[in-house]
């Protein structure tokens, strides 16, 4: 390390120059540096410790849980909004094309790949298959009441997937 250079900046520079660049968290690095001072470890051990401690800290776990919960709630609101609009426009019946468009709109909102979104995609594929939405797009959906019920269950699919 060159004289006069800050330890964190030096470590961050090393991490950026690695073949697969690593992001060095300042808080994790500071905790690891304090740990090194307490245990009198080498700087290399401090760098390894900062990578593992920052990703497994209780704060990081709480943040990931909050992000997951927010994603589930957002998905629930989005599906509810699309479903309500669809039922407002189609109170008694709908064509297979219109039902398929609703499912496409919902799918387009599932941008992340999580257990919840994958469960939702799976449920959408089952609805398409069960109601034969790919066949004869202009034909009305057979058993529209059952479709409405399945759409209601779809609203809570992300929550059910998270509870399993």
N, C-alpha and C. Protein backbone atom coordinates (compact mmCIF):
# COMPACT_ATOMS: atom_id res chain seq x y z
N UNK A 1 0.85 -1.17 0.00
CA UNK A 1 0.00 0.00 0.00
C UNK A 1 0.90 1.23 0.00
N UNK A 2 0.66 2.16 -0.92
CA UNK A 2 1.46 3.39 -0.97
C UNK A 2 1.26 4.24 0.29
N UNK A 3 2.29 4.92 0.69
CA UNK A 3 2.22 5.77 1.88
C UNK A 3 1.20 6.88 1.67
N UNK A 4 0.42 7.16 2.69
CA UNK A 4 -0.56 8.24 2.63
C UNK A 4 -1.90 7.86 2.03
N UNK A 5 -2.02 6.65 1.49
CA UNK A 5 -3.30 6.25 0.89
C UNK A 5 -4.18 5.61 1.96
N UNK A 6 -5.45 5.91 1.91
CA UNK A 6 -6.41 5.36 2.87
C UNK A 6 -6.58 3.87 2.63
N UNK A 7 -6.74 3.13 3.72
CA UNK A 7 -6.84 1.67 3.64
C UNK A 7 -8.06 1.23 2.84
N UNK A 8 -9.22 1.88 3.09
CA UNK A 8 -10.43 1.48 2.37
C UNK A 8 -10.27 1.71 0.87
N UNK A 9 -9.75 2.88 0.48
CA UNK A 9 -9.59 3.17 -0.96
C UNK A 9 -8.64 2.18 -1.60
N UNK A 10 -7.59 1.82 -0.88
CA UNK A 10 -6.64 0.85 -1.39
C UNK A 10 -7.32 -0.51 -1.60
N UNK A 11 -8.08 -0.95 -0.60
CA UNK A 11 -8.77 -2.24 -0.69
C UNK A 11 -9.83 -2.21 -1.79
N UNK A 12 -10.54 -1.09 -1.92
CA UNK A 12 -11.57 -0.97 -2.96
C UNK A 12 -10.95 -1.04 -4.35
N UNK A 13 -9.77 -0.42 -4.50
CA UNK A 13 -9.05 -0.45 -5.79
C UNK A 13 -8.66 -1.89 -6.13
N UNK A 14 -8.19 -2.62 -5.15
CA UNK A 14 -7.80 -4.02 -5.38
C UNK A 14 -9.02 -4.83 -5.80
N UNK A 15 -10.14 -4.62 -5.12
CA UNK A 15 -11.36 -5.37 -5.45
C UNK A 15 -11.84 -5.07 -6.86
N UNK A 16 -11.71 -3.83 -7.31
CA UNK A 16 -12.13 -3.47 -8.66
C UNK A 16 -11.24 -4.07 -9.74
N UNK A 17 -9.97 -4.31 -9.39
CA UNK A 17 -9.02 -4.82 -10.37
C UNK A 17 -9.05 -6.33 -10.50
N UNK A 18 -9.81 -7.01 -9.66
CA UNK A 18 -9.91 -8.47 -9.74
C UNK A 18 -10.59 -8.86 -11.05
N UNK A 19 -10.36 -10.09 -11.53
CA UNK A 19 -11.00 -10.53 -12.79
C UNK A 19 -12.52 -10.38 -12.77
N UNK A 20 -13.14 -10.70 -11.64
CA UNK A 20 -14.57 -10.42 -11.50
C UNK A 20 -14.68 -9.39 -10.38
N UNK A 21 -14.94 -8.14 -10.77
CA UNK A 21 -14.92 -7.02 -9.83
C UNK A 21 -15.84 -7.27 -8.64
N UNK A 22 -15.35 -6.94 -7.46
CA UNK A 22 -16.14 -7.08 -6.24
C UNK A 22 -16.48 -5.70 -5.71
N UNK A 23 -17.65 -5.59 -5.11
CA UNK A 23 -18.04 -4.34 -4.47
C UNK A 23 -17.69 -4.46 -3.00
N UNK A 24 -16.96 -3.52 -2.49
CA UNK A 24 -16.52 -3.54 -1.10
C UNK A 24 -17.42 -2.60 -0.31
N UNK A 25 -18.13 -3.15 0.65
CA UNK A 25 -19.05 -2.40 1.49
C UNK A 25 -18.28 -1.69 2.59
N UNK A 26 -18.47 -0.38 2.76
CA UNK A 26 -17.72 0.39 3.75
C UNK A 26 -18.00 -0.07 5.18
N UNK A 27 -19.27 -0.31 5.47
CA UNK A 27 -19.63 -0.71 6.84
C UNK A 27 -19.04 -2.08 7.14
N UNK A 28 -19.17 -3.01 6.21
CA UNK A 28 -18.61 -4.34 6.41
C UNK A 28 -17.09 -4.28 6.55
N UNK A 29 -16.47 -3.43 5.74
CA UNK A 29 -15.02 -3.29 5.81
C UNK A 29 -14.61 -2.73 7.17
N UNK A 30 -15.34 -1.73 7.64
CA UNK A 30 -15.02 -1.13 8.94
C UNK A 30 -15.17 -2.15 10.06
N UNK A 31 -16.22 -2.95 10.01
CA UNK A 31 -16.40 -4.00 11.03
C UNK A 31 -15.27 -5.01 10.98
N UNK A 32 -14.88 -5.39 9.78
CA UNK A 32 -13.79 -6.36 9.65
C UNK A 32 -12.48 -5.77 10.13
N UNK A 33 -12.26 -4.48 9.84
CA UNK A 33 -11.03 -3.83 10.30
C UNK A 33 -10.98 -3.80 11.82
N UNK A 34 -12.11 -3.50 12.44
CA UNK A 34 -12.16 -3.51 13.91
C UNK A 34 -11.92 -4.91 14.45
N UNK A 35 -12.49 -5.89 13.77
CA UNK A 35 -12.29 -7.28 14.18
C UNK A 35 -10.82 -7.66 14.07
N UNK A 36 -10.15 -7.20 13.02
CA UNK A 36 -8.73 -7.48 12.83
C UNK A 36 -7.92 -6.85 13.96
N UNK A 37 -8.27 -5.61 14.28
CA UNK A 37 -7.54 -4.94 15.36
C UNK A 37 -7.71 -5.68 16.69
N UNK A 38 -8.91 -6.23 16.91
CA UNK A 38 -9.15 -6.98 18.14
C UNK A 38 -8.40 -8.31 18.15
N UNK A 39 -8.30 -8.96 17.00
CA UNK A 39 -7.67 -10.28 16.93
C UNK A 39 -6.25 -10.23 16.40
N UNK A 40 -5.78 -9.06 15.98
CA UNK A 40 -4.44 -8.89 15.43
C UNK A 40 -4.21 -9.80 14.23
N UNK A 41 -5.17 -9.75 13.28
CA UNK A 41 -5.07 -10.55 12.06
C UNK A 41 -4.37 -9.76 10.97
N UNK A 42 -4.08 -10.43 9.86
CA UNK A 42 -3.43 -9.76 8.73
C UNK A 42 -4.48 -9.00 7.91
N UNK A 43 -4.06 -7.99 7.11
CA UNK A 43 -5.01 -7.25 6.28
C UNK A 43 -5.77 -8.15 5.29
N UNK A 44 -5.12 -9.22 4.80
CA UNK A 44 -5.79 -10.14 3.89
C UNK A 44 -6.98 -10.80 4.57
N UNK A 45 -6.82 -11.16 5.83
CA UNK A 45 -7.93 -11.76 6.58
C UNK A 45 -9.05 -10.74 6.77
N UNK A 46 -8.70 -9.48 6.95
CA UNK A 46 -9.71 -8.43 7.11
C UNK A 46 -10.56 -8.30 5.87
N UNK A 47 -9.91 -8.35 4.70
CA UNK A 47 -10.63 -8.21 3.45
C UNK A 47 -11.60 -9.38 3.27
N UNK A 48 -11.16 -10.60 3.53
CA UNK A 48 -12.05 -11.76 3.42
C UNK A 48 -13.20 -11.66 4.41
N UNK A 49 -12.92 -11.23 5.61
CA UNK A 49 -13.93 -11.12 6.65
C UNK A 49 -14.98 -10.08 6.30
N UNK A 50 -14.56 -8.95 5.68
CA UNK A 50 -15.52 -7.90 5.34
C UNK A 50 -16.50 -8.37 4.29
N UNK A 51 -16.07 -9.24 3.37
CA UNK A 51 -16.98 -9.74 2.33
C UNK A 51 -18.05 -10.62 2.93
N UNK A 52 -17.68 -11.49 3.85
CA UNK A 52 -18.66 -12.41 4.40
C UNK A 52 -19.53 -11.76 5.45
N UNK A 53 -18.98 -10.92 6.30
CA UNK A 53 -19.78 -10.36 7.38
C UNK A 53 -20.83 -9.39 6.87
N UNK A 54 -20.53 -8.62 5.81
CA UNK A 54 -21.50 -7.64 5.33
C UNK A 54 -22.68 -8.31 4.65
N UNK A 55 -22.48 -9.46 4.02
CA UNK A 55 -23.60 -10.09 3.32
C UNK A 55 -24.46 -10.94 4.24
N UNK A 56 -24.00 -11.25 5.44
CA UNK A 56 -24.76 -12.11 6.35
C UNK A 56 -25.18 -11.38 7.61
N UNK A 57 -25.00 -10.09 7.67
CA UNK A 57 -25.34 -9.36 8.89
C UNK A 57 -26.85 -9.34 9.09
N UNK A 58 -27.30 -9.18 10.32
CA UNK A 58 -28.75 -9.11 10.58
C UNK A 58 -29.42 -7.96 9.83
N UNK A 59 -28.70 -6.87 9.65
CA UNK A 59 -29.26 -5.74 8.90
C UNK A 59 -29.49 -6.11 7.44
N UNK A 60 -28.53 -6.83 6.84
CA UNK A 60 -28.68 -7.26 5.45
C UNK A 60 -29.84 -8.23 5.30
N UNK A 61 -29.98 -9.14 6.26
CA UNK A 61 -31.09 -10.10 6.21
C UNK A 61 -32.43 -9.38 6.34
N UNK A 62 -32.51 -8.42 7.24
CA UNK A 62 -33.75 -7.67 7.42
C UNK A 62 -34.09 -6.87 6.17
N UNK A 63 -33.06 -6.31 5.54
CA UNK A 63 -33.29 -5.54 4.31
C UNK A 63 -33.81 -6.44 3.20
N UNK A 64 -33.21 -7.63 3.04
CA UNK A 64 -33.69 -8.56 2.00
C UNK A 64 -35.12 -9.01 2.27
N UNK A 65 -35.46 -9.26 3.54
CA UNK A 65 -36.83 -9.64 3.87
C UNK A 65 -37.81 -8.52 3.54
N UNK A 66 -37.42 -7.29 3.84
CA UNK A 66 -38.29 -6.15 3.55
C UNK A 66 -38.48 -5.98 2.04
N UNK A 67 -37.43 -6.17 1.27
CA UNK A 67 -37.53 -6.06 -0.19
C UNK A 67 -38.45 -7.15 -0.73
N UNK A 68 -38.30 -8.37 -0.20
CA UNK A 68 -39.18 -9.48 -0.63
C UNK A 68 -40.64 -9.19 -0.31
N UNK A 69 -40.90 -8.72 0.90
CA UNK A 69 -42.27 -8.42 1.32
C UNK A 69 -42.86 -7.31 0.45
N UNK A 70 -42.08 -6.28 0.19
CA UNK A 70 -42.53 -5.18 -0.66
C UNK A 70 -42.84 -5.69 -2.06
N UNK A 71 -42.02 -6.58 -2.59
CA UNK A 71 -42.26 -7.15 -3.91
C UNK A 71 -43.55 -7.94 -3.97
N UNK A 72 -43.81 -8.73 -2.91
CA UNK A 72 -45.06 -9.51 -2.85
C UNK A 72 -46.26 -8.60 -2.81
N UNK A 73 -46.19 -7.54 -1.98
CA UNK A 73 -47.32 -6.61 -1.88
C UNK A 73 -47.55 -5.88 -3.20
N UNK A 74 -46.46 -5.48 -3.85
CA UNK A 74 -46.58 -4.79 -5.14
C UNK A 74 -47.21 -5.71 -6.18
N UNK A 75 -46.78 -6.98 -6.18
CA UNK A 75 -47.32 -7.95 -7.12
C UNK A 75 -48.82 -8.16 -6.84
N UNK A 76 -49.19 -8.26 -5.58
CA UNK A 76 -50.59 -8.44 -5.20
C UNK A 76 -51.45 -7.26 -5.68
N UNK A 77 -50.95 -6.04 -5.45
CA UNK A 77 -51.69 -4.84 -5.88
C UNK A 77 -51.83 -4.78 -7.40
N UNK A 78 -50.75 -5.13 -8.09
CA UNK A 78 -50.77 -5.08 -9.56
C UNK A 78 -51.78 -6.07 -10.12
N UNK A 79 -51.74 -7.30 -9.63
CA UNK A 79 -52.67 -8.33 -10.11
C UNK A 79 -54.10 -7.92 -9.78
N UNK A 80 -54.32 -7.40 -8.58
CA UNK A 80 -55.68 -6.96 -8.19
C UNK A 80 -56.17 -5.85 -9.11
N UNK A 81 -55.30 -4.92 -9.43
CA UNK A 81 -55.68 -3.80 -10.30
C UNK A 81 -56.05 -4.28 -11.69
N UNK A 82 -55.22 -5.15 -12.28
CA UNK A 82 -55.53 -5.68 -13.62
C UNK A 82 -56.81 -6.51 -13.60
N UNK A 83 -56.96 -7.33 -12.57
CA UNK A 83 -58.14 -8.18 -12.45
C UNK A 83 -59.40 -7.32 -12.32
N UNK A 84 -59.35 -6.29 -11.48
CA UNK A 84 -60.52 -5.41 -11.31
C UNK A 84 -60.89 -4.72 -12.61
N UNK A 85 -59.91 -4.24 -13.34
CA UNK A 85 -60.18 -3.59 -14.62
C UNK A 85 -60.80 -4.55 -15.62
N UNK A 86 -60.28 -5.77 -15.64
CA UNK A 86 -60.81 -6.79 -16.55
C UNK A 86 -62.27 -7.10 -16.21
N UNK A 87 -62.55 -7.28 -14.93
CA UNK A 87 -63.93 -7.62 -14.52
C UNK A 87 -64.88 -6.45 -14.70
N UNK A 88 -64.37 -5.24 -14.63
CA UNK A 88 -65.21 -4.07 -14.87
C UNK A 88 -65.62 -4.03 -16.35
N UNK A 89 -64.69 -4.40 -17.22
CA UNK A 89 -64.98 -4.39 -18.67
C UNK A 89 -65.70 -5.64 -19.14
N UNK A 90 -65.54 -6.74 -18.43
CA UNK A 90 -66.12 -8.03 -18.85
C UNK A 90 -66.86 -8.63 -17.66
N UNK A 91 -68.10 -8.23 -17.48
CA UNK A 91 -68.84 -8.67 -16.30
C UNK A 91 -69.45 -10.05 -16.46
N UNK A 92 -69.82 -10.43 -17.66
CA UNK A 92 -70.51 -11.71 -17.86
C UNK A 92 -69.70 -12.70 -18.69
N UNK A 93 -68.93 -12.19 -19.64
CA UNK A 93 -68.15 -13.06 -20.51
C UNK A 93 -66.98 -12.28 -21.11
N UNK A 94 -66.05 -13.03 -21.68
CA UNK A 94 -64.90 -12.41 -22.36
C UNK A 94 -64.40 -13.40 -23.40
N UNK A 95 -63.77 -12.86 -24.41
CA UNK A 95 -63.17 -13.76 -25.41
C UNK A 95 -61.85 -14.31 -24.85
N UNK A 96 -61.42 -15.38 -25.43
CA UNK A 96 -60.15 -15.97 -25.00
C UNK A 96 -59.00 -15.00 -25.25
N UNK A 97 -59.08 -14.24 -26.32
CA UNK A 97 -58.06 -13.24 -26.63
C UNK A 97 -57.96 -12.21 -25.50
N UNK A 98 -59.12 -11.72 -25.03
CA UNK A 98 -59.13 -10.72 -23.96
C UNK A 98 -58.59 -11.30 -22.65
N UNK A 99 -58.95 -12.54 -22.34
CA UNK A 99 -58.44 -13.18 -21.13
C UNK A 99 -56.93 -13.39 -21.24
N UNK A 100 -56.48 -13.80 -22.41
CA UNK A 100 -55.05 -14.01 -22.63
C UNK A 100 -54.28 -12.68 -22.52
N UNK A 101 -54.89 -11.59 -23.01
CA UNK A 101 -54.25 -10.28 -22.91
C UNK A 101 -54.11 -9.88 -21.44
N UNK A 102 -55.10 -10.16 -20.64
CA UNK A 102 -55.02 -9.88 -19.20
C UNK A 102 -53.83 -10.61 -18.59
N UNK A 103 -53.70 -11.89 -18.90
CA UNK A 103 -52.61 -12.69 -18.36
C UNK A 103 -51.25 -12.19 -18.86
N UNK A 104 -51.20 -11.76 -20.12
CA UNK A 104 -49.95 -11.19 -20.65
C UNK A 104 -49.59 -9.91 -19.91
N UNK A 105 -50.59 -9.06 -19.64
CA UNK A 105 -50.34 -7.82 -18.91
C UNK A 105 -49.79 -8.11 -17.52
N UNK A 106 -50.35 -9.11 -16.87
CA UNK A 106 -49.87 -9.48 -15.53
C UNK A 106 -48.45 -10.02 -15.62
N UNK A 107 -48.21 -10.91 -16.59
CA UNK A 107 -46.87 -11.49 -16.76
C UNK A 107 -45.81 -10.42 -17.04
N UNK A 108 -46.17 -9.41 -17.80
CA UNK A 108 -45.22 -8.34 -18.11
C UNK A 108 -44.80 -7.55 -16.88
N UNK A 109 -45.58 -7.63 -15.82
CA UNK A 109 -45.24 -6.94 -14.58
C UNK A 109 -44.30 -7.77 -13.70
N UNK A 110 -44.13 -9.03 -14.02
CA UNK A 110 -43.28 -9.93 -13.23
C UNK A 110 -41.85 -9.85 -13.75
N UNK A 111 -41.17 -8.78 -13.43
CA UNK A 111 -39.84 -8.54 -13.98
C UNK A 111 -38.75 -9.29 -13.24
N UNK A 112 -38.94 -9.57 -11.96
CA UNK A 112 -37.91 -10.26 -11.18
C UNK A 112 -38.12 -11.77 -11.26
N UNK A 113 -37.06 -12.49 -10.96
CA UNK A 113 -37.15 -13.95 -10.91
C UNK A 113 -37.01 -14.36 -9.45
N UNK A 114 -38.15 -14.64 -8.83
CA UNK A 114 -38.18 -15.10 -7.45
C UNK A 114 -39.10 -16.31 -7.37
N UNK A 115 -39.14 -16.94 -6.23
CA UNK A 115 -40.06 -18.06 -6.05
C UNK A 115 -41.51 -17.62 -6.27
N UNK A 116 -41.83 -16.41 -5.79
CA UNK A 116 -43.19 -15.90 -5.91
C UNK A 116 -43.56 -15.65 -7.38
N UNK A 117 -42.67 -15.01 -8.11
CA UNK A 117 -43.00 -14.71 -9.51
C UNK A 117 -43.04 -15.98 -10.35
N UNK A 118 -42.18 -16.94 -10.04
CA UNK A 118 -42.21 -18.20 -10.78
C UNK A 118 -43.50 -18.96 -10.48
N UNK A 119 -43.96 -18.91 -9.24
CA UNK A 119 -45.23 -19.54 -8.89
C UNK A 119 -46.38 -18.87 -9.64
N UNK A 120 -46.32 -17.56 -9.74
CA UNK A 120 -47.34 -16.81 -10.47
C UNK A 120 -47.32 -17.19 -11.95
N UNK A 121 -46.15 -17.27 -12.55
CA UNK A 121 -46.03 -17.66 -13.97
C UNK A 121 -46.60 -19.06 -14.19
N UNK A 122 -46.31 -19.95 -13.27
CA UNK A 122 -46.82 -21.32 -13.37
C UNK A 122 -48.35 -21.33 -13.30
N UNK A 123 -48.92 -20.56 -12.40
CA UNK A 123 -50.38 -20.48 -12.28
C UNK A 123 -50.99 -19.89 -13.54
N UNK A 124 -50.32 -18.92 -14.13
CA UNK A 124 -50.82 -18.31 -15.39
C UNK A 124 -50.80 -19.34 -16.52
N UNK A 125 -49.73 -20.13 -16.59
CA UNK A 125 -49.67 -21.18 -17.63
C UNK A 125 -50.80 -22.19 -17.45
N UNK A 126 -51.10 -22.54 -16.21
CA UNK A 126 -52.21 -23.48 -15.95
C UNK A 126 -53.55 -22.89 -16.37
N UNK A 127 -53.76 -21.62 -16.09
CA UNK A 127 -55.02 -20.98 -16.50
C UNK A 127 -55.14 -20.99 -18.02
N UNK A 128 -54.05 -20.67 -18.70
CA UNK A 128 -54.08 -20.69 -20.17
C UNK A 128 -54.43 -22.08 -20.70
N UNK A 129 -53.84 -23.08 -20.10
CA UNK A 129 -54.08 -24.46 -20.55
C UNK A 129 -55.50 -24.91 -20.20
N UNK A 130 -55.93 -24.68 -18.97
CA UNK A 130 -57.24 -25.15 -18.52
C UNK A 130 -58.39 -24.51 -19.29
N UNK A 131 -58.23 -23.24 -19.66
CA UNK A 131 -59.30 -22.55 -20.37
C UNK A 131 -59.04 -22.45 -21.87
N UNK A 132 -58.00 -23.15 -22.35
CA UNK A 132 -57.68 -23.24 -23.78
C UNK A 132 -57.63 -21.85 -24.44
N UNK A 133 -56.89 -20.95 -23.81
CA UNK A 133 -56.86 -19.57 -24.29
C UNK A 133 -56.08 -19.41 -25.59
N UNK A 134 -55.24 -20.38 -25.93
CA UNK A 134 -54.47 -20.30 -27.18
C UNK A 134 -55.29 -20.77 -28.38
N UNK A 135 -56.35 -21.50 -28.12
CA UNK A 135 -57.19 -22.03 -29.21
C UNK A 135 -58.33 -21.06 -29.49
N UNK A 136 -58.62 -20.85 -30.74
CA UNK A 136 -59.73 -20.00 -31.18
C UNK A 136 -59.83 -18.72 -30.34
N UNK A 137 -58.94 -17.78 -30.56
CA UNK A 137 -58.89 -16.57 -29.73
C UNK A 137 -60.19 -15.76 -29.70
N UNK A 138 -60.96 -15.80 -30.76
CA UNK A 138 -62.20 -15.02 -30.80
C UNK A 138 -63.35 -15.66 -30.05
N UNK A 139 -63.24 -16.93 -29.72
CA UNK A 139 -64.32 -17.64 -29.03
C UNK A 139 -64.42 -17.17 -27.58
N UNK A 140 -65.62 -17.21 -27.02
CA UNK A 140 -65.77 -16.82 -25.62
C UNK A 140 -65.13 -17.87 -24.70
N UNK A 141 -64.71 -17.42 -23.53
CA UNK A 141 -64.13 -18.33 -22.54
C UNK A 141 -65.24 -19.23 -22.02
N UNK A 142 -64.99 -20.53 -22.06
CA UNK A 142 -65.95 -21.47 -21.51
C UNK A 142 -65.84 -21.39 -19.99
N UNK A 143 -66.96 -21.40 -19.30
CA UNK A 143 -67.03 -21.33 -17.84
C UNK A 143 -66.32 -20.07 -17.31
N UNK A 144 -66.88 -18.93 -17.70
CA UNK A 144 -66.32 -17.64 -17.31
C UNK A 144 -66.28 -17.48 -15.79
N UNK A 145 -67.27 -18.03 -15.10
CA UNK A 145 -67.30 -17.94 -13.63
C UNK A 145 -66.08 -18.63 -13.02
N UNK A 146 -65.69 -19.77 -13.57
CA UNK A 146 -64.50 -20.47 -13.08
C UNK A 146 -63.23 -19.65 -13.36
N UNK A 147 -63.19 -18.98 -14.51
CA UNK A 147 -62.04 -18.13 -14.83
C UNK A 147 -61.93 -17.00 -13.82
N UNK A 148 -63.06 -16.37 -13.49
CA UNK A 148 -63.06 -15.29 -12.51
C UNK A 148 -62.55 -15.79 -11.16
N UNK A 149 -62.96 -16.98 -10.80
CA UNK A 149 -62.50 -17.57 -9.53
C UNK A 149 -60.99 -17.84 -9.56
N UNK A 150 -60.50 -18.36 -10.65
CA UNK A 150 -59.06 -18.62 -10.78
C UNK A 150 -58.27 -17.32 -10.75
N UNK A 151 -58.82 -16.26 -11.34
CA UNK A 151 -58.14 -14.96 -11.30
C UNK A 151 -58.08 -14.43 -9.87
N UNK A 152 -59.12 -14.70 -9.09
CA UNK A 152 -59.11 -14.29 -7.68
C UNK A 152 -58.01 -15.04 -6.93
N UNK A 153 -57.84 -16.32 -7.21
CA UNK A 153 -56.77 -17.11 -6.58
C UNK A 153 -55.40 -16.63 -7.05
N UNK A 154 -55.32 -16.21 -8.28
CA UNK A 154 -54.05 -15.73 -8.84
C UNK A 154 -53.55 -14.51 -8.08
N UNK A 155 -54.47 -13.70 -7.59
CA UNK A 155 -54.11 -12.51 -6.83
C UNK A 155 -53.26 -12.86 -5.62
N UNK A 156 -53.51 -14.01 -5.02
CA UNK A 156 -52.79 -14.41 -3.80
C UNK A 156 -51.72 -15.45 -4.04
N UNK A 157 -51.43 -15.73 -5.29
CA UNK A 157 -50.45 -16.77 -5.63
C UNK A 157 -49.07 -16.47 -5.07
N UNK A 158 -48.62 -15.23 -5.16
CA UNK A 158 -47.30 -14.86 -4.63
C UNK A 158 -47.21 -15.03 -3.14
N UNK A 159 -48.29 -14.71 -2.43
CA UNK A 159 -48.31 -14.87 -0.98
C UNK A 159 -48.25 -16.35 -0.62
N UNK A 160 -49.04 -17.17 -1.33
CA UNK A 160 -49.03 -18.62 -1.06
C UNK A 160 -47.66 -19.22 -1.31
N UNK A 161 -47.01 -18.79 -2.37
CA UNK A 161 -45.68 -19.32 -2.70
C UNK A 161 -44.67 -18.95 -1.63
N UNK A 162 -44.81 -17.77 -1.04
CA UNK A 162 -43.87 -17.33 0.00
C UNK A 162 -44.07 -18.10 1.29
N UNK A 163 -45.28 -18.59 1.52
CA UNK A 163 -45.58 -19.29 2.77
C UNK A 163 -45.16 -20.74 2.75
N UNK A 164 -44.93 -21.29 1.56
CA UNK A 164 -44.56 -22.71 1.45
C UNK A 164 -43.14 -22.93 1.88
